[in-house]
Amino acid sequence: MRRRSTARADRARRTAPAAVDRICGFVRDCAFDGERARIALRVRVEVRIARWERRAGG
């Protein structure tokens, strides 16, 4: 159980930078306030990571 959730977290951590780059590129293209969007994205990612850690029992 622990190993599986760790593998899922590792996979998510590997895929996250590409997703962040894609979203930041999208934000730039839409001429949003990039810094505010980056902060909101970081908060969302941290919430998701905290949820994964709770689910993994860590």
Protein backbone atom coordinates (compact mmCIF):
# COMPACT_ATOMS: atom_id res chain seq x y z
CA MET A 1 0.00 0.00 0.00
CA ARG A 2 2.69 2.44 1.05
CA ARG A 3 4.88 1.48 -1.89
CA ARG A 4 2.06 2.01 -4.39
CA SER A 5 1.15 5.46 -3.10
CA THR A 6 4.86 6.40 -3.04
CA ALA A 7 5.18 5.33 -6.67
CA ARG A 8 2.12 7.41 -7.54
CA ALA A 9 3.58 10.43 -5.75
CA ASP A 10 6.92 9.95 -7.55
CA ARG A 11 5.12 9.76 -10.89
CA ALA A 12 3.14 12.90 -10.05
CA ARG A 13 6.32 14.69 -9.02
CA ARG A 14 7.94 13.75 -12.34
CA THR A 15 4.99 14.93 -14.42
CA ALA A 16 4.31 18.10 -12.39
CA PRO A 17 7.07 20.34 -13.90
CA ALA A 18 5.80 19.76 -17.44
CA ALA A 19 2.26 20.56 -16.35
CA VAL A 20 3.42 23.70 -14.54
CA ASP A 21 5.37 24.82 -17.63
CA ARG A 22 2.32 24.22 -19.82
CA ILE A 23 0.03 26.13 -17.45
CA CYS A 24 2.51 29.01 -17.08
CA GLY A 25 2.77 29.16 -20.87
CA PHE A 26 -1.01 29.23 -21.12
CA VAL A 27 -1.15 31.99 -18.50
CA ARG A 28 1.42 34.03 -20.44
CA ASP A 29 -0.51 33.56 -23.68
CA CYS A 30 -3.71 34.76 -22.01
CA ALA A 31 -1.89 37.83 -20.65
CA PHE A 32 -2.87 37.14 -17.07
CA ASP A 33 -0.89 38.40 -14.10
CA GLY A 34 1.72 35.61 -14.17
CA GLU A 35 2.92 36.03 -10.60
CA ARG A 36 -0.56 35.83 -9.09
CA ALA A 37 -1.35 32.78 -11.23
CA ARG A 38 1.91 31.10 -10.16
CA ILE A 39 1.08 31.66 -6.48
CA ALA A 40 -2.43 30.24 -6.95
CA LEU A 41 -0.98 27.23 -8.78
CA ARG A 42 1.59 26.62 -6.03
CA VAL A 43 -1.12 26.73 -3.36
CA ARG A 44 -3.25 24.26 -5.33
CA VAL A 45 -0.30 21.89 -5.81
CA GLU A 46 0.61 22.08 -2.11
CA VAL A 47 -2.96 21.24 -1.12
CA ARG A 48 -2.93 18.25 -3.46
CA ILE A 49 0.44 17.02 -2.11
CA ALA A 50 -0.83 17.36 1.47
CA ARG A 51 -3.88 15.29 0.53
CA TRP A 52 -1.65 12.58 -0.99
CA GLU A 53 0.54 12.52 2.12
CA ARG A 54 -2.49 12.17 4.38
CA ARG A 55 -3.83 9.35 2.22
CA ALA A 56 -0.44 7.59 2.33
CA GLY A 57 -0.50 7.86 6.12
CA GLY A 58 2.50 10.17 6.24
